[in-house]
Amino acid sequence: MRRLVLFDIDGTLVRGGPAKGAFEQAMRETFGTTGDVQNTSFAGKTDPQIARELLEGAGFGAEEIDRGLERLWPRYLRLLEERLPGRPMEVLPGVHELLDALRPIEDVALGLLTGNIEGGARLKLGSARLWERFRFGSYGSDHEDRDRLPAIALRRAAEVWGRSFDPCDAIVIGDTPRDIACGQAGGARTLGVATGRYGAHELVACGADHVLPDLRATEDVLAWIAA
């Protein structure tokens, strides 16, 4: 295998769903507050980073946050699982077609690189019938700092496929500047897709190696990956 393609989840593969509401309720049940959730951007951050930023803003100390996070995530996953049947994630245009085209290519390996904790990623993609498309991932539950996730992804890919991957073998596909920065920090090539809250010009400005409006141009994406 010569290429390791790592996909972000929210805004890249899927959108919508009940995750934010589930997270806010879990925060209230665990900490008694959501913090300033209305004025805090979740885009491109890991779930633990989001929770910590909200709680620090509400005056919580580091030790209190760490203790509470152990209770927060099981509650969040329970609430998310309860709500997803009524509001499953919506698969974004071109995703099924691209994954179908990538699957039979012998020198391409597919994985996830996401700020979601692993259980949240599984539930979200499971509701969209995408979870089984990926043999491994690197998640917000692996490290709070998203820039540390590419190295974890490379190690996991080596375990799954029995060969090492250099950072330059990897391609990170995402919809936010933080996705792009994460890929750059890990030495990977980056493909920005303007399917979230950021436009193509913003993804270009943050240094993405290539930018597309979405993933519908399957042949163009395949050609760029192979380049």
Protein backbone atom coordinates (compact mmCIF):
# COMPACT_ATOMS: atom_id res chain seq x y z
CA MET A 1 0.00 0.00 0.00
CA ARG A 2 1.30 3.43 -0.93
CA ARG A 3 -1.42 5.78 0.36
CA LEU A 4 -3.17 6.14 3.69
CA VAL A 5 -6.36 8.22 3.35
CA LEU A 6 -7.67 9.59 6.65
CA PHE A 7 -11.17 11.08 6.80
CA ASP A 8 -12.61 13.55 9.25
CA ILE A 9 -16.24 12.77 10.16
CA ASP A 10 -18.47 15.78 10.91
CA GLY A 11 -18.84 18.08 7.93
CA THR A 12 -16.70 15.80 5.77
CA LEU A 13 -18.45 12.42 5.67
CA VAL A 14 -21.73 13.28 7.45
CA ARG A 15 -23.69 16.18 8.91
CA GLY A 16 -26.66 16.79 11.18
CA GLY A 17 -27.73 14.42 13.91
CA PRO A 18 -28.35 14.92 17.64
CA ALA A 19 -24.77 14.97 18.95
CA LYS A 20 -24.67 18.59 20.12
CA GLY A 21 -27.90 18.29 22.09
CA ALA A 22 -26.74 15.00 23.62
CA PHE A 23 -23.43 16.60 24.59
CA GLU A 24 -25.11 19.63 26.17
CA GLN A 25 -27.47 17.47 28.24
CA ALA A 26 -24.58 15.27 29.36
CA MET A 27 -22.65 18.40 30.40
CA ARG A 28 -25.60 19.66 32.46
CA GLU A 29 -26.08 16.28 34.13
CA THR A 30 -22.38 15.96 34.94
CA PHE A 31 -21.22 19.50 35.69
CA GLY A 32 -24.45 21.46 36.14
CA THR A 33 -23.62 23.73 33.19
CA THR A 34 -22.81 23.70 29.51
CA GLY A 35 -20.56 26.71 29.78
CA ASP A 36 -20.79 29.34 27.05
CA VAL A 37 -21.79 26.79 24.43
CA GLN A 38 -23.56 29.32 22.21
CA ASN A 39 -20.38 31.32 21.62
CA THR A 40 -17.92 28.43 21.36
CA SER A 41 -17.02 26.87 18.02
CA PHE A 42 -16.80 23.08 17.98
CA ALA A 43 -15.36 22.95 14.45
CA GLY A 44 -12.27 20.80 14.11
CA LYS A 45 -11.71 20.37 17.87
CA THR A 46 -11.56 17.13 19.80
CA ASP A 47 -14.49 16.34 22.08
CA PRO A 48 -12.29 16.54 25.22
CA GLN A 49 -10.88 19.88 24.08
CA ILE A 50 -14.39 21.29 23.61
CA ALA A 51 -15.51 20.13 27.04
CA ARG A 52 -12.37 21.48 28.73
CA GLU A 53 -12.63 24.89 27.05
CA LEU A 54 -16.29 25.25 28.07
CA LEU A 55 -15.63 24.20 31.64
CA GLU A 56 -12.53 26.34 32.10
CA GLY A 57 -14.59 29.29 30.89
CA ALA A 58 -17.17 28.45 33.55
CA GLY A 59 -14.51 28.50 36.28
CA PHE A 60 -13.79 24.79 36.75
CA GLY A 61 -10.27 23.69 37.68
CA ALA A 62 -8.23 21.08 35.83
CA GLU A 63 -8.60 18.31 38.43
CA GLU A 64 -12.35 18.82 38.73
CA ILE A 65 -12.67 18.70 34.94
CA ASP A 66 -10.59 15.53 34.66
CA ARG A 67 -12.69 13.75 37.29
CA GLY A 68 -15.93 14.83 35.65
CA LEU A 69 -14.91 13.79 32.15
CA GLU A 70 -14.85 10.17 33.30
CA ARG A 71 -18.60 10.48 33.97
CA LEU A 72 -19.38 12.77 31.05
CA TRP A 73 -18.52 10.46 28.16
CA PRO A 74 -20.67 7.46 29.16
CA ARG A 75 -23.63 9.80 29.62
CA TYR A 76 -22.99 11.47 26.27
CA LEU A 77 -22.79 8.14 24.46
CA ARG A 78 -25.98 6.88 26.09
CA LEU A 79 -27.88 10.01 25.10
CA LEU A 80 -26.44 9.97 21.59
CA GLU A 81 -27.41 6.34 21.09
CA GLU A 82 -30.94 7.03 22.32
CA ARG A 83 -31.43 9.96 19.94
CA LEU A 84 -29.76 8.78 16.75
CA PRO A 85 -32.60 6.48 15.58
CA GLY A 86 -34.85 9.53 15.32
CA ARG A 87 -32.17 11.79 13.82
CA PRO A 88 -29.57 9.68 12.00
CA MET A 89 -26.56 11.36 10.45
CA GLU A 90 -26.91 12.47 6.83
CA VAL A 91 -24.23 11.24 4.44
CA LEU A 92 -22.76 14.11 2.42
CA PRO A 93 -22.83 14.14 -1.40
CA GLY A 94 -20.24 11.97 -3.12
CA VAL A 95 -19.14 10.10 -0.01
CA HIS A 96 -20.60 6.69 -0.88
CA GLU A 97 -19.32 6.91 -4.44
CA LEU A 98 -15.80 7.89 -3.35
CA LEU A 99 -15.57 5.15 -0.73
CA ASP A 100 -16.85 2.61 -3.27
CA ALA A 101 -14.16 3.74 -5.72
CA LEU A 102 -11.37 3.64 -3.11
CA ARG A 103 -12.25 0.26 -1.61
CA PRO A 104 -10.90 -1.98 -4.42
CA ILE A 105 -7.67 -0.01 -4.93
CA GLU A 106 -4.98 -2.25 -3.48
CA ASP A 107 -2.44 0.47 -2.68
CA VAL A 108 -4.90 2.68 -0.75
CA ALA A 109 -5.79 2.14 2.92
CA LEU A 110 -8.73 3.96 4.51
CA GLY A 111 -8.98 5.23 8.07
CA LEU A 112 -10.56 7.90 10.26
CA LEU A 113 -8.92 10.91 11.88
CA THR A 114 -11.50 12.73 13.97
CA GLY A 115 -11.97 14.80 17.09
CA ASN A 116 -14.89 12.56 18.07
CA ILE A 117 -14.29 10.14 20.90
CA GLU A 118 -14.24 6.62 19.48
CA GLY A 119 -17.67 5.64 20.78
CA GLY A 120 -19.22 8.77 19.28
CA ALA A 121 -17.58 8.10 15.93
CA ARG A 122 -18.91 4.55 15.95
CA LEU A 123 -22.46 5.64 16.78
CA LYS A 124 -22.55 8.50 14.28
CA LEU A 125 -21.13 6.52 11.36
CA GLY A 126 -23.13 3.45 12.34
CA SER A 127 -26.34 5.45 12.00
CA ALA A 128 -25.24 6.40 8.47
CA ARG A 129 -24.10 2.83 7.60
CA LEU A 130 -20.50 3.98 7.17
CA TRP A 131 -18.76 2.55 10.24
CA GLU A 132 -17.87 -0.75 8.58
CA ARG A 133 -16.12 1.11 5.75
CA PHE A 134 -13.13 1.84 7.99
CA ARG A 135 -10.81 -0.68 9.61
CA PHE A 136 -9.22 1.72 12.08
CA GLY A 137 -9.18 5.29 13.27
CA SER A 138 -7.50 7.90 15.45
CA TYR A 139 -9.92 9.67 17.79
CA GLY A 140 -10.34 12.49 20.26
CA SER A 141 -10.38 9.86 22.99
CA ASP A 142 -6.80 8.96 22.01
CA HIS A 143 -5.49 12.47 22.65
CA GLU A 144 -7.04 15.84 23.45
CA ASP A 145 -4.59 17.61 21.13
CA ARG A 146 -5.76 16.94 17.58
CA ASP A 147 -2.29 17.54 16.17
CA ARG A 148 -1.14 14.36 17.94
CA LEU A 149 -3.69 12.19 16.12
CA PRO A 150 -1.87 11.70 12.76
CA ALA A 151 1.02 9.89 14.46
CA ILE A 152 -1.45 7.65 16.27
CA ALA A 153 -3.18 6.93 12.96
CA LEU A 154 0.11 5.93 11.36
CA ARG A 155 0.87 3.51 14.21
CA ARG A 156 -2.58 1.93 14.01
CA ALA A 157 -2.38 1.60 10.24
CA ALA A 158 0.93 -0.22 10.61
CA GLU A 159 -0.69 -2.65 13.07
CA VAL A 160 -3.64 -3.32 10.75
CA TRP A 161 -1.73 -3.73 7.48
CA GLY A 162 1.58 -5.06 8.76
CA ARG A 163 3.74 -2.37 7.17
CA SER A 164 4.92 1.07 8.16
CA PHE A 165 3.55 4.28 6.68
CA ASP A 166 5.60 7.45 6.43
CA PRO A 167 3.80 10.74 7.11
CA CYS A 168 4.18 11.65 3.44
CA ASP A 169 2.16 8.52 2.58
CA ALA A 170 -0.86 9.97 4.40
CA ILE A 171 -3.63 12.23 3.15
CA VAL A 172 -5.97 13.99 5.58
CA ILE A 173 -9.40 14.96 4.23
CA GLY A 174 -11.38 17.49 6.24
CA ASP A 175 -13.66 20.51 6.16
CA THR A 176 -12.10 22.91 8.70
CA PRO A 177 -8.83 24.81 9.06
CA ARG A 178 -8.08 22.70 12.13
CA ASP A 179 -8.33 19.54 10.01
CA ILE A 180 -5.81 21.05 7.62
CA ALA A 181 -3.52 22.18 10.44
CA CYS A 182 -3.69 18.71 11.99
CA GLY A 183 -2.62 17.08 8.73
CA GLN A 184 0.18 19.60 8.29
CA ALA A 185 1.41 18.99 11.83
CA GLY A 186 1.59 15.29 11.05
CA GLY A 187 3.45 15.78 7.77
CA ALA A 188 0.53 14.60 5.62
CA ARG A 189 -0.94 16.04 2.44
CA THR A 190 -4.28 17.74 3.00
CA LEU A 191 -7.50 17.89 1.00
CA GLY A 192 -10.02 20.48 2.11
CA VAL A 193 -13.69 20.08 1.28
CA ALA A 194 -16.02 23.09 1.63
CA THR A 195 -18.93 21.04 2.96
CA GLY A 196 -18.94 22.51 6.46
CA ARG A 197 -18.97 26.06 7.77
CA TYR A 198 -15.78 27.11 5.96
CA GLY A 199 -15.66 28.14 2.32
CA ALA A 200 -13.10 27.06 -0.25
CA HIS A 201 -11.22 30.37 0.00
CA GLU A 202 -10.75 29.88 3.76
CA LEU A 203 -9.39 26.37 3.28
CA VAL A 204 -7.02 27.63 0.59
CA ALA A 205 -5.88 30.43 2.88
CA CYS A 206 -4.99 28.03 5.68
CA GLY A 207 -2.69 26.08 3.36
CA ALA A 208 -4.65 23.04 2.20
CA ASP A 209 -2.78 21.26 -0.60
CA HIS A 210 -5.98 20.90 -2.61
CA VAL A 211 -9.55 22.16 -2.09
CA LEU A 212 -12.85 20.96 -3.55
CA PRO A 213 -16.42 22.16 -3.02
CA ASP A 214 -17.43 18.62 -1.99
CA LEU A 215 -16.52 14.99 -2.68
CA ARG A 216 -18.79 14.44 -5.69
CA ALA A 217 -15.96 14.71 -8.25
CA THR A 218 -14.83 11.13 -7.61
CA GLU A 219 -12.34 10.93 -10.49
CA ASP A 220 -10.74 14.22 -9.51
CA VAL A 221 -10.28 13.05 -5.92
CA LEU A 222 -8.83 9.71 -7.06
CA ALA A 223 -6.40 11.44 -9.41
CA TRP A 224 -5.22 13.79 -6.69
CA ILE A 225 -4.76 10.97 -4.18
CA ALA A 226 -2.72 9.02 -6.71
CA ALA A 227 -0.54 12.00 -7.68
